[in-house]
N, C-alpha and C. Protein backbone atom coordinates (compact mmCIF):
# COMPACT_ATOMS: atom_id res chain seq x y z
N MET A 1 106.71 11.52 164.18
CA MET A 1 106.12 12.67 164.82
C MET A 1 107.17 13.35 165.68
N LEU A 2 107.26 14.66 165.54
CA LEU A 2 108.23 15.43 166.31
C LEU A 2 107.61 15.98 167.57
N GLY A 3 108.42 16.32 168.54
CA GLY A 3 107.94 16.98 169.75
C GLY A 3 107.31 16.01 170.72
N ASN A 4 106.79 16.55 171.79
CA ASN A 4 106.14 15.76 172.82
C ASN A 4 104.65 16.03 172.72
N PHE A 5 103.92 15.17 172.05
CA PHE A 5 102.52 15.40 171.76
C PHE A 5 101.68 14.49 172.63
N ASN A 6 101.01 15.07 173.61
CA ASN A 6 100.12 14.32 174.50
C ASN A 6 98.74 14.95 174.47
N GLY A 7 97.94 14.62 173.50
CA GLY A 7 96.61 15.17 173.40
C GLY A 7 96.54 16.38 172.49
N ASN A 8 95.42 17.06 172.55
CA ASN A 8 95.17 18.19 171.68
C ASN A 8 95.65 19.48 172.35
N CYS A 9 96.59 20.17 171.75
CA CYS A 9 97.15 21.41 172.30
C CYS A 9 96.59 22.65 171.63
N SER A 10 95.54 22.49 170.82
CA SER A 10 95.00 23.63 170.09
C SER A 10 94.21 24.55 171.02
N GLU A 11 93.99 25.77 170.55
CA GLU A 11 93.22 26.77 171.28
C GLU A 11 92.03 27.18 170.42
N LYS A 12 90.93 27.51 171.07
CA LYS A 12 89.76 27.98 170.33
C LYS A 12 90.08 29.30 169.64
N THR A 13 89.50 29.50 168.47
CA THR A 13 89.71 30.74 167.74
C THR A 13 88.72 31.80 168.21
N GLY A 14 89.01 33.04 167.84
CA GLY A 14 88.12 34.14 168.17
C GLY A 14 88.67 35.05 169.25
N ALA A 15 89.80 34.71 169.84
CA ALA A 15 90.37 35.51 170.93
C ALA A 15 90.79 36.90 170.46
N THR A 16 91.11 37.06 169.18
CA THR A 16 91.61 38.34 168.69
C THR A 16 90.54 39.18 168.00
N ILE A 17 89.29 38.81 168.17
CA ILE A 17 88.21 39.52 167.48
C ILE A 17 88.20 41.01 167.82
N SER A 18 88.65 41.35 169.01
CA SER A 18 88.68 42.77 169.42
C SER A 18 89.68 43.58 168.59
N LEU A 19 90.61 42.90 167.92
CA LEU A 19 91.60 43.60 167.09
C LEU A 19 91.06 43.93 165.71
N GLY A 20 89.92 43.35 165.34
CA GLY A 20 89.38 43.56 164.00
C GLY A 20 90.36 43.04 162.96
N ASN A 21 90.65 43.85 161.96
CA ASN A 21 91.60 43.46 160.91
C ASN A 21 93.01 43.96 161.19
N SER A 22 93.27 44.38 162.42
CA SER A 22 94.60 44.85 162.80
C SER A 22 95.49 43.67 163.19
N SER A 23 96.77 43.94 163.24
CA SER A 23 97.74 42.94 163.71
C SER A 23 98.00 43.18 165.19
N GLY A 24 98.26 42.12 165.92
CA GLY A 24 98.57 42.26 167.34
C GLY A 24 98.52 40.93 168.06
N VAL A 25 98.61 41.00 169.37
CA VAL A 25 98.63 39.82 170.23
C VAL A 25 97.67 40.05 171.38
N VAL A 26 96.89 39.03 171.73
CA VAL A 26 96.06 39.06 172.93
C VAL A 26 96.34 37.79 173.73
N THR A 27 96.07 37.84 175.01
CA THR A 27 96.19 36.66 175.86
C THR A 27 94.79 36.14 176.12
N ASN A 28 94.55 34.86 175.78
CA ASN A 28 93.21 34.31 175.94
C ASN A 28 92.96 33.88 177.39
N ALA A 29 91.79 33.33 177.66
CA ALA A 29 91.39 32.93 179.00
C ALA A 29 92.30 31.85 179.60
N ASN A 30 93.00 31.11 178.77
CA ASN A 30 93.92 30.06 179.23
C ASN A 30 95.32 30.59 179.47
N GLY A 31 95.53 31.89 179.28
CA GLY A 31 96.85 32.48 179.47
C GLY A 31 97.79 32.29 178.29
N VAL A 32 97.23 31.90 177.14
CA VAL A 32 98.02 31.66 175.93
C VAL A 32 97.97 32.91 175.05
N GLN A 33 99.13 33.34 174.57
CA GLN A 33 99.16 34.48 173.66
C GLN A 33 98.75 34.04 172.27
N ILE A 34 97.79 34.76 171.69
CA ILE A 34 97.26 34.45 170.37
C ILE A 34 97.61 35.62 169.44
N VAL A 35 98.17 35.30 168.29
CA VAL A 35 98.63 36.30 167.33
C VAL A 35 97.59 36.50 166.24
N SER A 36 97.40 37.75 165.84
CA SER A 36 96.57 38.08 164.69
C SER A 36 97.42 38.93 163.74
N TYR A 37 97.47 38.52 162.48
CA TYR A 37 98.17 39.30 161.47
C TYR A 37 97.15 39.76 160.44
N ARG A 38 96.92 41.06 160.39
CA ARG A 38 95.96 41.66 159.47
C ARG A 38 94.60 40.96 159.53
N GLY A 39 94.20 40.61 160.74
CA GLY A 39 92.88 40.00 160.93
C GLY A 39 92.85 38.50 160.83
N GLU A 40 93.95 37.86 160.49
CA GLU A 40 93.98 36.40 160.42
C GLU A 40 94.62 35.86 161.69
N GLU A 41 93.80 35.17 162.47
CA GLU A 41 94.25 34.65 163.75
C GLU A 41 95.07 33.38 163.56
N ASN A 42 96.19 33.31 164.28
CA ASN A 42 97.06 32.13 164.24
C ASN A 42 97.38 31.72 162.81
N LEU A 43 97.84 32.68 162.04
CA LEU A 43 98.12 32.45 160.62
C LEU A 43 99.00 31.23 160.39
N TRP A 44 99.94 30.97 161.27
CA TRP A 44 100.84 29.85 161.05
C TRP A 44 100.76 28.82 162.18
N GLY A 45 99.81 28.93 163.06
CA GLY A 45 99.77 28.02 164.20
C GLY A 45 98.65 27.02 164.12
N ASN A 46 98.71 26.05 164.97
CA ASN A 46 97.70 25.01 165.19
C ASN A 46 97.64 23.91 164.13
N MET A 47 97.77 24.23 162.86
CA MET A 47 97.77 23.17 161.86
C MET A 47 98.38 23.65 160.55
N SER A 48 98.85 22.71 159.80
CA SER A 48 99.36 23.01 158.46
C SER A 48 98.18 23.14 157.51
N MET A 49 98.38 23.91 156.44
CA MET A 49 97.34 24.10 155.45
C MET A 49 97.88 23.79 154.06
N TRP A 50 97.07 23.14 153.25
CA TRP A 50 97.45 22.86 151.88
C TRP A 50 97.61 24.17 151.10
N LEU A 51 98.58 24.22 150.23
CA LEU A 51 98.72 25.33 149.29
C LEU A 51 97.96 24.94 148.02
N GLU A 52 96.67 25.14 148.03
CA GLU A 52 95.85 24.77 146.87
C GLU A 52 96.26 25.62 145.67
N GLY A 53 96.30 24.98 144.52
CA GLY A 53 96.66 25.68 143.30
C GLY A 53 98.15 25.73 143.05
N LEU A 54 98.93 25.07 143.89
CA LEU A 54 100.38 25.03 143.72
C LEU A 54 100.83 23.57 143.71
N ASN A 55 101.44 23.16 142.63
CA ASN A 55 102.04 21.83 142.52
C ASN A 55 103.51 22.00 142.18
N VAL A 56 104.32 21.08 142.66
CA VAL A 56 105.75 21.10 142.36
C VAL A 56 106.07 19.80 141.64
N LYS A 57 106.71 19.94 140.49
CA LYS A 57 107.02 18.78 139.65
C LYS A 57 108.52 18.74 139.39
N LYS A 58 109.10 17.56 139.50
CA LYS A 58 110.53 17.42 139.25
C LYS A 58 110.77 17.41 137.75
N VAL A 59 111.56 18.39 137.28
CA VAL A 59 111.91 18.53 135.87
C VAL A 59 113.42 18.75 135.80
N ASP A 60 114.12 17.89 135.12
CA ASP A 60 115.58 17.97 135.01
C ASP A 60 116.25 18.09 136.38
N GLY A 61 115.72 17.34 137.34
CA GLY A 61 116.31 17.31 138.68
C GLY A 61 115.92 18.46 139.59
N LEU A 62 115.15 19.42 139.07
CA LEU A 62 114.74 20.58 139.86
C LEU A 62 113.26 20.47 140.24
N GLY A 63 112.90 20.99 141.38
CA GLY A 63 111.52 21.04 141.82
C GLY A 63 110.86 22.31 141.33
N LYS A 64 110.27 22.26 140.13
CA LYS A 64 109.68 23.45 139.51
C LYS A 64 108.27 23.69 140.04
N VAL A 65 107.98 24.96 140.32
CA VAL A 65 106.72 25.36 140.93
C VAL A 65 105.74 25.79 139.84
N TYR A 66 104.55 25.19 139.87
CA TYR A 66 103.47 25.50 138.93
C TYR A 66 102.25 25.95 139.73
N ILE A 67 101.50 26.94 139.21
CA ILE A 67 100.32 27.42 139.91
C ILE A 67 99.13 27.52 138.97
N THR A 68 97.94 27.55 139.57
CA THR A 68 96.70 27.79 138.84
C THR A 68 95.77 28.58 139.75
N ASP A 69 94.83 29.29 139.15
CA ASP A 69 93.89 30.09 139.93
C ASP A 69 92.81 29.27 140.61
N ASN A 70 92.06 28.51 139.83
CA ASN A 70 90.93 27.82 140.42
C ASN A 70 90.60 26.48 139.77
N THR A 71 91.51 25.92 139.04
CA THR A 71 91.30 24.61 138.45
C THR A 71 92.32 23.65 139.06
N PHE A 72 92.18 23.45 140.38
CA PHE A 72 93.14 22.63 141.13
C PHE A 72 93.06 21.17 140.72
N THR A 73 94.21 20.53 140.69
CA THR A 73 94.27 19.09 140.48
C THR A 73 95.46 18.55 141.27
N ASP A 74 95.35 17.34 141.70
CA ASP A 74 96.44 16.70 142.42
C ASP A 74 97.09 15.62 141.57
N SER A 75 96.90 15.72 140.27
CA SER A 75 97.41 14.71 139.35
C SER A 75 98.51 15.28 138.47
N ALA A 76 99.60 14.55 138.42
CA ALA A 76 100.72 14.97 137.57
C ALA A 76 100.34 14.89 136.09
N ASN A 77 99.32 14.10 135.78
CA ASN A 77 98.92 13.91 134.39
C ASN A 77 97.92 14.96 133.92
N ASP A 78 97.44 15.81 134.81
CA ASP A 78 96.40 16.77 134.46
C ASP A 78 96.76 18.17 134.97
N MET A 79 97.86 18.71 134.46
CA MET A 79 98.30 20.04 134.87
C MET A 79 98.21 21.04 133.72
N LEU A 80 97.24 20.83 132.83
CA LEU A 80 97.10 21.70 131.66
C LEU A 80 96.83 23.15 132.02
N ASN A 81 96.11 23.39 133.10
CA ASN A 81 95.76 24.76 133.49
C ASN A 81 96.79 25.38 134.44
N TYR A 82 97.88 24.71 134.67
CA TYR A 82 98.92 25.23 135.56
C TYR A 82 99.95 26.00 134.75
N GLU A 83 100.50 27.03 135.37
CA GLU A 83 101.50 27.87 134.72
C GLU A 83 102.84 27.74 135.44
N ASP A 84 103.90 27.61 134.69
CA ASP A 84 105.25 27.53 135.25
C ASP A 84 105.62 28.91 135.81
N THR A 85 105.99 28.97 137.08
CA THR A 85 106.33 30.25 137.71
C THR A 85 107.79 30.64 137.48
N GLY A 86 108.59 29.70 137.00
CA GLY A 86 110.02 29.97 136.87
C GLY A 86 110.76 29.84 138.19
N LEU A 87 110.06 29.43 139.24
CA LEU A 87 110.66 29.26 140.56
C LEU A 87 110.88 27.79 140.86
N CYS A 88 111.87 27.51 141.70
CA CYS A 88 112.16 26.14 142.11
C CYS A 88 112.33 26.08 143.63
N VAL A 89 111.86 24.99 144.23
CA VAL A 89 112.04 24.78 145.66
C VAL A 89 113.46 24.25 145.90
N PRO A 90 113.98 24.38 147.14
CA PRO A 90 115.33 23.87 147.43
C PRO A 90 115.44 22.38 147.18
N GLN A 91 116.63 21.95 146.82
CA GLN A 91 116.87 20.53 146.58
C GLN A 91 117.20 19.78 147.86
N THR A 92 117.45 20.51 148.94
CA THR A 92 117.70 19.89 150.24
C THR A 92 116.77 20.52 151.28
N SER A 93 116.43 19.77 152.30
CA SER A 93 115.61 20.28 153.39
C SER A 93 116.48 21.08 154.35
N GLY A 94 115.88 22.04 155.01
CA GLY A 94 116.61 22.83 155.99
C GLY A 94 115.90 24.13 156.28
N TYR A 95 116.59 25.03 156.96
CA TYR A 95 116.03 26.33 157.28
C TYR A 95 116.16 27.26 156.09
N ILE A 96 115.10 27.99 155.79
CA ILE A 96 115.05 28.87 154.62
C ILE A 96 116.10 29.97 154.73
N SER A 97 116.87 30.14 153.65
CA SER A 97 117.87 31.21 153.61
C SER A 97 117.58 32.21 152.49
N ALA A 98 116.70 31.86 151.55
CA ALA A 98 116.35 32.78 150.47
C ALA A 98 115.02 32.38 149.84
N PHE A 99 114.33 33.36 149.28
CA PHE A 99 113.10 33.13 148.53
C PHE A 99 113.38 33.38 147.06
N GLY A 100 112.71 32.62 146.20
CA GLY A 100 112.82 32.85 144.76
C GLY A 100 112.02 34.08 144.38
N TYR A 101 112.34 34.67 143.23
CA TYR A 101 111.61 35.85 142.78
C TYR A 101 111.39 35.79 141.28
N ASN A 102 110.17 36.10 140.89
CA ASN A 102 109.82 36.27 139.50
C ASN A 102 108.86 37.46 139.46
N GLU A 103 109.17 38.47 138.66
CA GLU A 103 108.39 39.70 138.64
C GLU A 103 106.90 39.45 138.40
N LYS A 104 106.58 38.49 137.55
CA LYS A 104 105.17 38.20 137.26
C LYS A 104 104.46 37.62 138.49
N PHE A 105 105.19 36.90 139.32
CA PHE A 105 104.62 36.26 140.50
C PHE A 105 105.24 36.84 141.77
N ASP A 106 105.34 38.16 141.84
CA ASP A 106 106.02 38.80 142.96
C ASP A 106 105.30 38.62 144.30
N TRP A 107 104.11 38.09 144.29
CA TRP A 107 103.34 37.84 145.51
C TRP A 107 103.63 36.47 146.11
N LEU A 108 104.35 35.62 145.38
CA LEU A 108 104.69 34.29 145.90
C LEU A 108 105.91 34.35 146.82
N PHE A 109 105.86 33.66 147.92
CA PHE A 109 107.00 33.51 148.81
C PHE A 109 107.39 32.03 148.79
N ILE A 110 108.18 31.65 147.81
CA ILE A 110 108.60 30.26 147.64
C ILE A 110 110.07 30.16 148.04
N PRO A 111 110.37 29.34 149.07
CA PRO A 111 111.77 29.17 149.46
C PRO A 111 112.59 28.63 148.28
N SER A 112 113.78 29.20 148.08
CA SER A 112 114.64 28.73 147.00
C SER A 112 115.95 28.14 147.51
N LYS A 113 116.32 28.49 148.73
CA LYS A 113 117.55 27.95 149.33
C LYS A 113 117.28 27.63 150.79
N ALA A 114 117.95 26.60 151.28
CA ALA A 114 117.73 26.14 152.66
C ALA A 114 119.07 25.98 153.37
N PHE A 115 119.77 27.09 153.57
CA PHE A 115 121.06 27.07 154.25
C PHE A 115 121.06 27.95 155.50
N GLY A 116 119.87 28.32 156.01
CA GLY A 116 119.75 29.20 157.17
C GLY A 116 119.86 28.42 158.48
N THR A 117 119.48 29.09 159.54
CA THR A 117 119.43 28.48 160.87
C THR A 117 118.06 28.71 161.48
N SER A 118 117.83 28.17 162.66
CA SER A 118 116.55 28.37 163.33
C SER A 118 116.35 29.82 163.76
N GLN A 119 117.40 30.61 163.70
CA GLN A 119 117.33 32.01 164.10
C GLN A 119 117.39 32.99 162.92
N ALA A 120 118.11 32.65 161.87
CA ALA A 120 118.32 33.62 160.79
C ALA A 120 118.55 32.93 159.45
N PRO A 121 118.25 33.55 158.34
CA PRO A 121 117.59 34.83 158.23
C PRO A 121 116.07 34.76 158.40
N ILE A 122 115.45 33.59 158.18
CA ILE A 122 114.00 33.46 158.26
C ILE A 122 113.58 32.72 159.53
N GLY A 123 114.27 31.63 159.85
CA GLY A 123 113.95 30.85 161.04
C GLY A 123 112.91 29.76 160.82
N ASP A 124 112.39 29.63 159.60
CA ASP A 124 111.40 28.60 159.30
C ASP A 124 112.03 27.54 158.40
N LYS A 125 111.53 26.31 158.53
CA LYS A 125 112.05 25.19 157.73
C LYS A 125 111.26 25.00 156.45
N CYS A 126 111.90 24.35 155.50
CA CYS A 126 111.21 23.86 154.31
C CYS A 126 111.80 22.50 153.98
N SER A 127 111.04 21.71 153.27
CA SER A 127 111.53 20.38 152.92
C SER A 127 111.68 20.25 151.41
N ALA A 128 112.63 19.41 151.04
CA ALA A 128 112.85 19.11 149.62
C ALA A 128 111.71 18.21 149.14
N MET A 129 111.60 18.04 147.86
CA MET A 129 110.55 17.20 147.29
C MET A 129 110.65 15.77 147.80
N SER A 130 109.49 15.17 148.09
CA SER A 130 109.46 13.80 148.57
C SER A 130 109.09 12.81 147.47
N SER A 131 108.72 13.29 146.29
CA SER A 131 108.43 12.43 145.14
C SER A 131 108.53 13.29 143.88
N ASN A 132 108.21 12.71 142.73
CA ASN A 132 108.36 13.44 141.46
C ASN A 132 107.33 14.55 141.27
N ILE A 133 106.21 14.47 141.93
CA ILE A 133 105.24 15.57 141.95
C ILE A 133 104.70 15.67 143.37
N CYS A 134 104.68 16.89 143.90
CA CYS A 134 104.32 17.10 145.29
C CYS A 134 103.35 18.25 145.46
N LEU A 135 102.63 18.16 146.53
CA LEU A 135 101.89 19.29 147.06
C LEU A 135 102.73 19.82 148.22
N TYR A 136 102.49 21.05 148.58
CA TYR A 136 103.16 21.61 149.74
C TYR A 136 102.11 22.10 150.71
N ARG A 137 102.45 22.05 151.98
CA ARG A 137 101.60 22.62 153.01
C ARG A 137 102.43 23.63 153.80
N VAL A 138 101.75 24.62 154.35
CA VAL A 138 102.43 25.69 155.08
C VAL A 138 101.84 25.82 156.47
N GLY A 139 102.56 26.50 157.33
CA GLY A 139 102.06 26.78 158.67
C GLY A 139 102.80 25.99 159.71
N GLY A 140 102.04 25.28 160.53
CA GLY A 140 102.69 24.54 161.59
C GLY A 140 101.81 23.49 162.19
N CYS A 141 102.45 22.54 162.80
CA CYS A 141 101.76 21.43 163.43
C CYS A 141 101.47 21.75 164.90
N LEU A 142 100.45 21.13 165.44
CA LEU A 142 100.10 21.30 166.84
C LEU A 142 101.24 20.88 167.77
N TYR A 143 101.98 19.89 167.34
CA TYR A 143 102.92 19.23 168.24
C TYR A 143 104.37 19.63 168.08
N SER A 144 104.68 20.59 167.22
CA SER A 144 106.08 20.91 167.02
C SER A 144 106.29 22.37 166.66
N GLU A 145 106.80 23.15 167.59
CA GLU A 145 107.09 24.55 167.29
C GLU A 145 108.24 24.69 166.31
N GLN A 146 109.10 23.68 166.21
CA GLN A 146 110.22 23.74 165.26
C GLN A 146 109.77 23.49 163.83
N GLU A 147 108.61 22.91 163.67
CA GLU A 147 108.08 22.64 162.33
C GLU A 147 106.93 23.60 162.03
N ALA A 148 106.96 24.80 162.60
CA ALA A 148 105.89 25.76 162.41
C ALA A 148 106.49 27.12 162.06
N GLY A 149 105.71 27.92 161.40
CA GLY A 149 106.13 29.28 161.06
C GLY A 149 105.38 29.76 159.85
N MET A 150 105.35 31.06 159.70
CA MET A 150 104.59 31.66 158.60
C MET A 150 105.07 31.17 157.24
N TYR A 151 106.35 30.90 157.09
CA TYR A 151 106.90 30.47 155.80
C TYR A 151 107.29 29.00 155.78
N CYS A 152 107.02 28.27 156.84
CA CYS A 152 107.35 26.85 156.90
C CYS A 152 106.61 26.11 155.78
N MET A 153 107.34 25.38 154.94
CA MET A 153 106.74 24.63 153.84
C MET A 153 107.21 23.19 153.89
N GLU A 154 106.27 22.27 153.83
CA GLU A 154 106.61 20.86 153.86
C GLU A 154 106.05 20.16 152.63
N SER A 155 106.92 19.40 151.98
CA SER A 155 106.55 18.64 150.80
C SER A 155 105.77 17.40 151.23
N THR A 156 104.68 17.12 150.52
CA THR A 156 103.91 15.91 150.79
C THR A 156 103.55 15.25 149.47
N ILE A 157 103.37 13.95 149.51
CA ILE A 157 102.96 13.24 148.30
C ILE A 157 101.46 13.44 148.10
N MET A 158 100.98 13.13 146.94
CA MET A 158 99.59 13.38 146.59
C MET A 158 98.59 12.68 147.50
N ASN A 159 98.93 11.56 148.08
CA ASN A 159 97.99 10.80 148.90
C ASN A 159 98.30 10.88 150.38
N ASP A 160 99.02 11.90 150.80
CA ASP A 160 99.45 12.05 152.19
C ASP A 160 98.41 12.85 152.96
N PHE A 161 97.56 12.18 153.71
CA PHE A 161 96.52 12.85 154.50
C PHE A 161 96.76 12.55 155.97
N MET A 162 96.87 13.61 156.76
CA MET A 162 97.15 13.45 158.18
C MET A 162 96.24 14.38 158.97
N PRO A 163 95.98 14.09 160.24
CA PRO A 163 95.03 14.90 161.02
C PRO A 163 95.52 16.30 161.35
N ASP A 164 96.79 16.60 161.14
CA ASP A 164 97.28 17.94 161.45
C ASP A 164 97.28 18.85 160.23
N ILE A 165 96.63 18.43 159.14
CA ILE A 165 96.52 19.25 157.93
C ILE A 165 95.09 19.75 157.83
N GLY A 166 94.93 21.04 157.63
CA GLY A 166 93.59 21.61 157.55
C GLY A 166 93.51 22.66 156.48
N GLY A 167 92.71 23.66 156.71
CA GLY A 167 92.54 24.73 155.74
C GLY A 167 91.90 25.93 156.39
N ARG A 168 91.72 26.98 155.64
CA ARG A 168 91.06 28.20 156.12
C ARG A 168 89.91 28.52 155.18
N LEU A 169 88.87 29.08 155.75
CA LEU A 169 87.75 29.55 154.94
C LEU A 169 88.13 30.88 154.31
N VAL A 170 87.80 31.04 153.05
CA VAL A 170 88.08 32.29 152.35
C VAL A 170 86.82 32.70 151.62
N TYR A 171 86.45 33.97 151.76
CA TYR A 171 85.31 34.50 151.01
C TYR A 171 85.85 35.18 149.77
N VAL A 172 85.40 34.73 148.62
CA VAL A 172 85.79 35.34 147.35
C VAL A 172 84.54 35.94 146.72
N PRO A 173 84.44 37.28 146.70
CA PRO A 173 83.24 37.89 146.13
C PRO A 173 83.16 37.66 144.63
N THR A 174 81.96 37.52 144.14
CA THR A 174 81.75 37.35 142.70
C THR A 174 81.22 38.65 142.11
N GLU A 175 81.51 38.86 140.87
CA GLU A 175 81.03 40.06 140.19
C GLU A 175 79.58 39.85 139.78
N ASN A 176 78.78 40.88 139.96
CA ASN A 176 77.34 40.80 139.57
C ASN A 176 77.09 41.55 138.30
């Protein structure tokens, strides 16, 4: 565990409701600045979140990124519905210095190189694969500002469950 963690350092959500879907910062009743980006409060703070639908598999020594829309699986043996993005995660852990790009998946922000610093060009860390098939989580931990950030990505094994990993509710409208 990194940092000096003595209890729960999280803040209640809802402080930025006055911003609606705008981006900005408000100071809550505890004097803590809370960030909202396009209506999502603390997008990278308080806890890490699983990147559902994204698995990374080691192929020929590279960490190849595979995605699926809604048929998630955490099994290396059952990735039939996953599509190869043509992107690879860095082979070493460190600060992100570049993102991979594939025109078909231009909405993905997958770190491809980790030669940056805590200040530039991105300032967020990513980790290399920890096993032959990995899940990744993004965001940040309650106890470590150095392990947090909008693009911070950490490799975890399929059975790695910790109390600082969570998720966000998402409403997906259905067609009638």
